[in-house]
Amino acid sequence: MELYTIYRPITATPFKSSENYREFEPCDALKPYIRCFWGGRELYQTEKDDTVTEELVTPDTCMDIIFTADFTGNKLAGRFRGIDDRPFVTRAAGHEGKTRSLFAIRFYAWGAAAFAEESLRETKDTYFDAGYHFPALKKELGEQLFYAADIRQLISTAEKILLKHLRLRRQSETVLQAVHEILKNRGNLPMSDLKRRLPVGDRQLERLFDEYIGMSPKSLSAIVRYQCLWNDLIYNKSFNTLDAVYRYGYSDQAHLCHDFKKYHSMNMADAREYALRNVGNIQDPFSRS
């Protein structure tokens, strides 16, 4: 079973669709590795003011390559954001009159390794030049920001480049098997049970996760459980906290609430309100039209 069919992580604002942010679904061949492409509604935008915008980022078990092109200053940047295990707030200042382009690839935790040219070890909670792990992708994809006519053309070109650089041998079957067990159990799987189901010892499993994901299996499992809880909270109209305590294996309601706030920086009621405050601007889910 493809992992993406049993698990779909979401951001702190899963319904967001604005001038500066929209999600685009990848082609079928890339769905096992890429959660989405994202960027502005239009590929090229001229900023209207110097407003500083803030955005809450919560752990989503994903990794991003983010390309930005500054046409006013003739500068191009390609940055890689490793998997996160903590929430944080981004702050971006606009520059009136500057023309820019923003385009990003959001990989599943298990998907980035299939395109990386270096180990993903020690990439957790880091943000740095994408050229270190993805030199070919950075060069070929980054250049397209200057030549693509619109966002649809850029996505089509990006998909061809990504498929060209896809190398299944860069993935670990043991890691994929472990991730499948974690996802199937919604993160509620004791590590002792997980390790009994795999053909490697404890140390080898830790080393493989560090190399191919940049995070331990225990940490990934904890964030998967949080993500499943967050999906349930935001999409299940009959969500009940006590039912969730049992469903996700928490010891009690206090444990669940503490764990959620650890990864979301706010309680469940405030998190839901934050996610739904701009629901009037909801996009058609993953529309490519």
Protein backbone atom coordinates (compact mmCIF):
# COMPACT_ATOMS: atom_id res chain seq x y z
CA MET A 1 0.00 0.00 0.00
CA GLU A 2 1.26 3.49 -0.87
CA LEU A 3 1.94 5.39 2.35
CA TYR A 4 0.30 8.60 1.12
CA THR A 5 -3.05 6.82 0.82
CA ILE A 6 -3.26 6.17 4.58
CA TYR A 7 -1.80 9.41 5.90
CA ARG A 8 -2.23 13.05 4.88
CA PRO A 9 -0.50 15.58 7.14
CA ILE A 10 -1.86 19.12 7.31
CA THR A 11 -0.57 22.54 8.35
CA ALA A 12 -1.84 24.80 11.12
CA THR A 13 -4.02 26.49 8.46
CA PRO A 14 -5.15 23.61 6.22
CA PHE A 15 -7.83 25.69 4.45
CA LYS A 16 -5.60 28.63 3.64
CA SER A 17 -5.77 29.98 0.11
CA SER A 18 -4.48 33.49 -0.38
CA GLU A 19 -2.61 35.64 -2.85
CA ASN A 20 0.65 34.40 -1.35
CA TYR A 21 -0.20 30.77 -0.57
CA ARG A 22 -1.96 28.01 -2.44
CA GLU A 23 -1.36 24.26 -2.54
CA PHE A 24 -1.19 22.30 -5.79
CA GLU A 25 -1.44 18.54 -6.03
CA PRO A 26 1.41 16.71 -7.81
CA CYS A 27 0.94 14.28 -10.67
CA ASP A 28 0.12 10.65 -9.83
CA ALA A 29 3.71 9.47 -10.33
CA LEU A 30 4.96 11.89 -7.64
CA LYS A 31 2.14 11.48 -5.11
CA PRO A 32 3.99 8.75 -3.16
CA TYR A 33 6.81 11.24 -2.41
CA ILE A 34 5.40 14.77 -2.56
CA ARG A 35 2.57 16.09 -0.39
CA CYS A 36 2.07 19.17 -2.58
CA PHE A 37 3.62 22.06 -4.44
CA TRP A 38 2.90 25.46 -2.92
CA GLY A 39 3.37 29.13 -3.64
CA GLY A 40 1.43 32.21 -4.66
CA ARG A 41 -1.70 32.14 -6.79
CA GLU A 42 0.34 33.85 -9.49
CA LEU A 43 3.94 32.93 -10.18
CA TYR A 44 5.08 36.55 -10.40
CA GLN A 45 3.90 39.11 -7.87
CA THR A 46 4.71 42.75 -7.23
CA GLU A 47 4.55 43.56 -3.53
CA LYS A 48 2.28 46.45 -2.60
CA ASP A 49 3.63 47.45 0.80
CA ASP A 50 6.14 46.72 3.55
CA THR A 51 3.75 44.79 5.80
CA VAL A 52 5.26 42.14 8.06
CA THR A 53 3.28 38.90 7.97
CA GLU A 54 3.42 36.16 10.60
CA GLU A 55 2.54 32.51 10.14
CA LEU A 56 2.39 29.64 12.63
CA VAL A 57 4.25 26.55 11.42
CA THR A 58 3.50 23.27 13.20
CA PRO A 59 5.22 19.87 12.76
CA ASP A 60 3.73 18.15 9.73
CA THR A 61 6.28 15.34 9.14
CA CYS A 62 7.25 17.02 5.87
CA MET A 63 10.33 18.68 4.40
CA ASP A 64 10.34 21.61 1.98
CA ILE A 65 12.55 22.99 -0.75
CA ILE A 66 11.61 26.67 -1.11
CA PHE A 67 12.66 28.71 -4.15
CA THR A 68 12.47 32.49 -4.20
CA ALA A 69 13.38 34.74 -7.10
CA ASP A 70 13.85 38.48 -6.62
CA PHE A 71 13.51 40.05 -10.06
CA THR A 72 14.14 43.55 -8.75
CA GLY A 73 17.50 42.56 -7.29
CA ASN A 74 18.12 39.74 -9.79
CA LYS A 75 18.65 37.20 -7.00
CA LEU A 76 17.68 33.53 -6.76
CA ALA A 77 17.60 31.40 -3.60
CA GLY A 78 16.80 27.75 -2.99
CA ARG A 79 16.49 26.71 0.66
CA PHE A 80 15.77 23.37 2.31
CA ARG A 81 13.68 23.03 5.47
CA GLY A 82 14.28 19.73 7.26
CA ILE A 83 11.64 17.91 9.26
CA ASP A 84 10.49 19.80 12.38
CA ASP A 85 9.55 18.54 15.82
CA ARG A 86 8.46 21.89 17.28
CA PRO A 87 6.15 24.77 16.34
CA PHE A 88 7.50 28.18 15.39
CA VAL A 89 6.35 31.46 13.86
CA THR A 90 7.75 32.77 10.58
CA ARG A 91 7.97 36.51 9.98
CA ALA A 92 8.31 37.91 6.48
CA ALA A 93 8.61 41.59 5.61
CA GLY A 94 7.34 42.84 2.27
CA HIS A 95 9.20 45.34 0.07
CA GLU A 96 6.96 47.77 -1.76
CA GLY A 97 7.46 47.64 -5.52
CA LYS A 98 9.63 44.49 -5.51
CA THR A 99 8.69 41.80 -8.01
CA ARG A 100 9.24 38.29 -6.76
CA SER A 101 8.39 34.65 -7.35
CA LEU A 102 7.88 31.91 -4.75
CA PHE A 103 7.61 28.19 -5.42
CA ALA A 104 8.08 25.25 -3.07
CA ILE A 105 8.02 21.46 -2.96
CA ARG A 106 6.69 19.78 0.19
CA PHE A 107 8.02 16.22 0.54
CA TYR A 108 6.62 13.55 2.81
CA ALA A 109 9.05 12.51 5.55
CA TRP A 110 9.87 9.33 3.64
CA GLY A 111 9.88 10.98 0.20
CA ALA A 112 12.75 13.48 0.23
CA ALA A 113 15.44 10.79 0.38
CA ALA A 114 14.45 9.58 -3.09
CA PHE A 115 15.69 12.90 -4.54
CA ALA A 116 18.48 13.81 -2.12
CA GLU A 117 22.12 13.41 -3.12
CA GLU A 118 23.36 13.46 0.47
CA SER A 119 22.25 11.84 3.71
CA LEU A 120 19.50 13.72 5.56
CA ARG A 121 21.31 13.24 8.84
CA GLU A 122 21.18 16.26 11.19
CA THR A 123 18.63 18.15 9.08
CA LYS A 124 15.91 18.22 11.76
CA ASP A 125 14.79 21.76 12.66
CA THR A 126 17.24 23.26 10.16
CA TYR A 127 16.88 25.67 7.23
CA PHE A 128 19.78 26.06 4.82
CA ASP A 129 20.91 26.06 1.19
CA ALA A 130 19.16 23.32 -0.79
CA GLY A 131 22.29 22.92 -2.90
CA TYR A 132 23.93 20.81 -0.21
CA HIS A 133 21.45 17.93 -0.44
CA PHE A 134 19.73 18.67 -3.75
CA PRO A 135 22.30 20.39 -6.01
CA ALA A 136 20.82 19.23 -9.32
CA LEU A 137 17.24 20.05 -8.32
CA LYS A 138 18.25 23.46 -7.04
CA LYS A 139 20.03 24.35 -10.28
CA GLU A 140 17.47 23.02 -12.75
CA LEU A 141 14.31 23.97 -10.86
CA GLY A 142 15.54 27.33 -9.65
CA GLU A 143 16.27 28.52 -13.16
CA GLN A 144 12.66 27.83 -14.20
CA LEU A 145 11.39 30.63 -11.96
CA PHE A 146 12.88 33.10 -14.43
CA TYR A 147 11.48 31.41 -17.55
CA ALA A 148 8.08 29.84 -16.75
CA ALA A 149 5.07 31.76 -18.05
CA ASP A 150 2.81 30.89 -15.10
CA ILE A 151 2.46 28.60 -12.09
CA ARG A 152 0.88 25.76 -14.10
CA GLN A 153 3.73 25.68 -16.58
CA LEU A 154 6.24 25.77 -13.73
CA ILE A 155 4.57 22.81 -11.99
CA SER A 156 4.54 20.80 -15.22
CA THR A 157 8.24 21.50 -15.76
CA ALA A 158 9.06 20.79 -12.12
CA GLU A 159 7.34 17.41 -12.30
CA LYS A 160 9.45 16.39 -15.30
CA ILE A 161 12.65 17.45 -13.54
CA LEU A 162 11.69 15.67 -10.33
CA LEU A 163 10.84 12.44 -12.15
CA LYS A 164 14.20 12.62 -13.93
CA HIS A 165 15.99 12.80 -10.58
CA LEU A 166 13.86 10.22 -8.76
CA ARG A 167 16.09 7.36 -7.54
CA LEU A 168 14.28 4.62 -5.64
CA ARG A 169 17.63 3.09 -4.63
CA ARG A 170 18.13 6.14 -2.39
CA GLN A 171 15.29 4.93 -0.18
CA SER A 172 15.51 2.29 2.55
CA GLU A 173 13.02 -0.58 2.46
CA THR A 174 13.44 -1.02 6.21
CA VAL A 175 12.59 2.65 6.84
CA LEU A 176 9.56 2.43 4.54
CA GLN A 177 8.38 -0.70 6.34
CA ALA A 178 8.80 1.00 9.71
CA VAL A 179 6.99 4.14 8.55
CA HIS A 180 4.13 2.00 7.26
CA GLU A 181 3.73 0.39 10.69
CA ILE A 182 3.81 3.82 12.36
CA LEU A 183 1.21 5.30 10.01
CA LYS A 184 -1.03 2.23 10.11
CA ASN A 185 -1.17 2.54 13.89
CA ARG A 186 -1.62 6.36 13.79
CA GLY A 187 1.57 6.85 15.78
CA ASN A 188 0.21 4.78 18.65
CA LEU A 189 2.69 1.92 18.46
CA PRO A 190 5.19 1.12 21.23
CA MET A 191 8.75 1.17 19.93
CA SER A 192 9.30 -2.32 21.32
CA ASP A 193 6.47 -3.61 19.09
CA LEU A 194 7.79 -1.73 16.07
CA LYS A 195 11.30 -3.11 16.45
CA ARG A 196 10.01 -6.69 16.77
CA ARG A 197 8.39 -6.34 13.33
CA LEU A 198 11.58 -5.26 11.56
CA PRO A 199 14.62 -7.21 10.32
CA VAL A 200 17.20 -4.92 11.99
CA GLY A 201 18.37 -4.18 15.52
CA ASP A 202 17.67 -1.05 17.57
CA ARG A 203 20.87 0.74 16.69
CA GLN A 204 20.60 0.02 12.99
CA LEU A 205 17.01 1.27 12.89
CA GLU A 206 17.97 4.51 14.64
CA ARG A 207 20.86 4.98 12.19
CA LEU A 208 18.65 4.37 9.16
CA PHE A 209 15.99 6.85 10.34
CA ASP A 210 18.65 9.45 11.02
CA GLU A 211 20.10 8.99 7.54
CA TYR A 212 16.88 8.85 5.51
CA ILE A 213 14.54 11.08 7.55
CA GLY A 214 16.71 13.02 9.99
CA MET A 215 14.61 12.01 12.99
CA SER A 216 14.32 8.99 15.28
CA PRO A 217 11.41 6.54 14.81
CA LYS A 218 10.10 7.46 18.26
CA SER A 219 10.01 11.18 17.43
CA LEU A 220 8.38 10.56 14.06
CA SER A 221 5.77 8.34 15.67
CA ALA A 222 4.91 11.03 18.23
CA ILE A 223 4.39 13.65 15.51
CA VAL A 224 2.31 11.24 13.42
CA ARG A 225 0.03 10.74 16.43
CA TYR A 226 -0.27 14.51 16.85
CA GLN A 227 -1.03 14.90 13.13
CA CYS A 228 -3.73 12.23 13.23
CA LEU A 229 -5.25 13.95 16.26
CA TRP A 230 -5.11 17.34 14.49
CA ASN A 231 -6.79 15.90 11.37
CA ASP A 232 -9.49 14.39 13.56
CA LEU A 233 -10.03 17.66 15.44
CA ILE A 234 -10.31 19.78 12.30
CA TYR A 235 -12.31 17.45 10.02
CA ASN A 236 -14.46 15.38 12.39
CA LYS A 237 -17.58 17.36 13.29
CA SER A 238 -18.37 14.95 16.12
CA PHE A 239 -14.86 15.06 17.60
CA ASN A 240 -14.82 14.07 21.26
CA THR A 241 -11.71 14.51 23.40
CA LEU A 242 -12.38 11.47 25.60
CA ASP A 243 -12.87 9.26 22.53
CA ALA A 244 -9.59 10.64 21.13
CA VAL A 245 -7.75 9.74 24.35
CA TYR A 246 -8.63 6.09 23.74
CA ARG A 247 -8.22 6.19 19.95
CA TYR A 248 -4.69 7.59 20.06
CA GLY A 249 -3.44 5.82 23.16
CA TYR A 250 -3.07 8.75 25.58
CA SER A 251 -3.10 7.98 29.30
CA ASP A 252 -5.78 10.58 30.00
CA GLN A 253 -7.28 13.86 28.76
CA ALA A 254 -4.56 15.96 30.37
CA HIS A 255 -1.90 13.94 28.58
CA LEU A 256 -3.62 14.48 25.23
CA CYS A 257 -4.05 18.21 25.77
CA HIS A 258 -0.45 18.66 26.91
CA ASP A 259 0.88 16.71 23.92
CA PHE A 260 -1.24 18.70 21.46
CA LYS A 261 -0.09 22.05 22.87
CA LYS A 262 3.53 20.89 22.75
CA TYR A 263 3.33 20.55 18.96
CA HIS A 264 0.78 23.27 18.20
CA SER A 265 1.76 26.02 20.70
CA MET A 266 -1.90 26.53 21.67
CA ASN A 267 -4.81 24.54 23.03
CA MET A 268 -7.22 22.67 20.75
CA ALA A 269 -10.00 25.27 20.84
CA ASP A 270 -7.64 28.09 19.87
CA ALA A 271 -5.97 25.92 17.22
CA ARG A 272 -9.30 25.19 15.56
CA GLU A 273 -10.28 28.87 15.67
CA TYR A 274 -6.90 29.85 14.17
CA ALA A 275 -7.33 27.32 11.36
CA LEU A 276 -10.89 28.39 10.52
CA ARG A 277 -10.58 32.16 10.82
CA ASN A 278 -10.05 32.59 7.06
CA VAL A 279 -12.19 29.68 5.97
CA GLY A 280 -14.08 32.01 3.63
CA ASN A 281 -11.01 31.95 1.40
CA ILE A 282 -10.92 28.15 1.21
CA GLN A 283 -9.47 26.79 -2.00
CA ASP A 284 -10.89 23.90 -3.99
CA PRO A 285 -8.95 21.01 -2.39
CA PHE A 286 -5.85 20.37 -4.47
CA SER A 287 -7.40 21.62 -7.67
CA ARG A 288 -5.12 21.66 -10.69
CA SER A 289 -7.62 23.40 -12.97
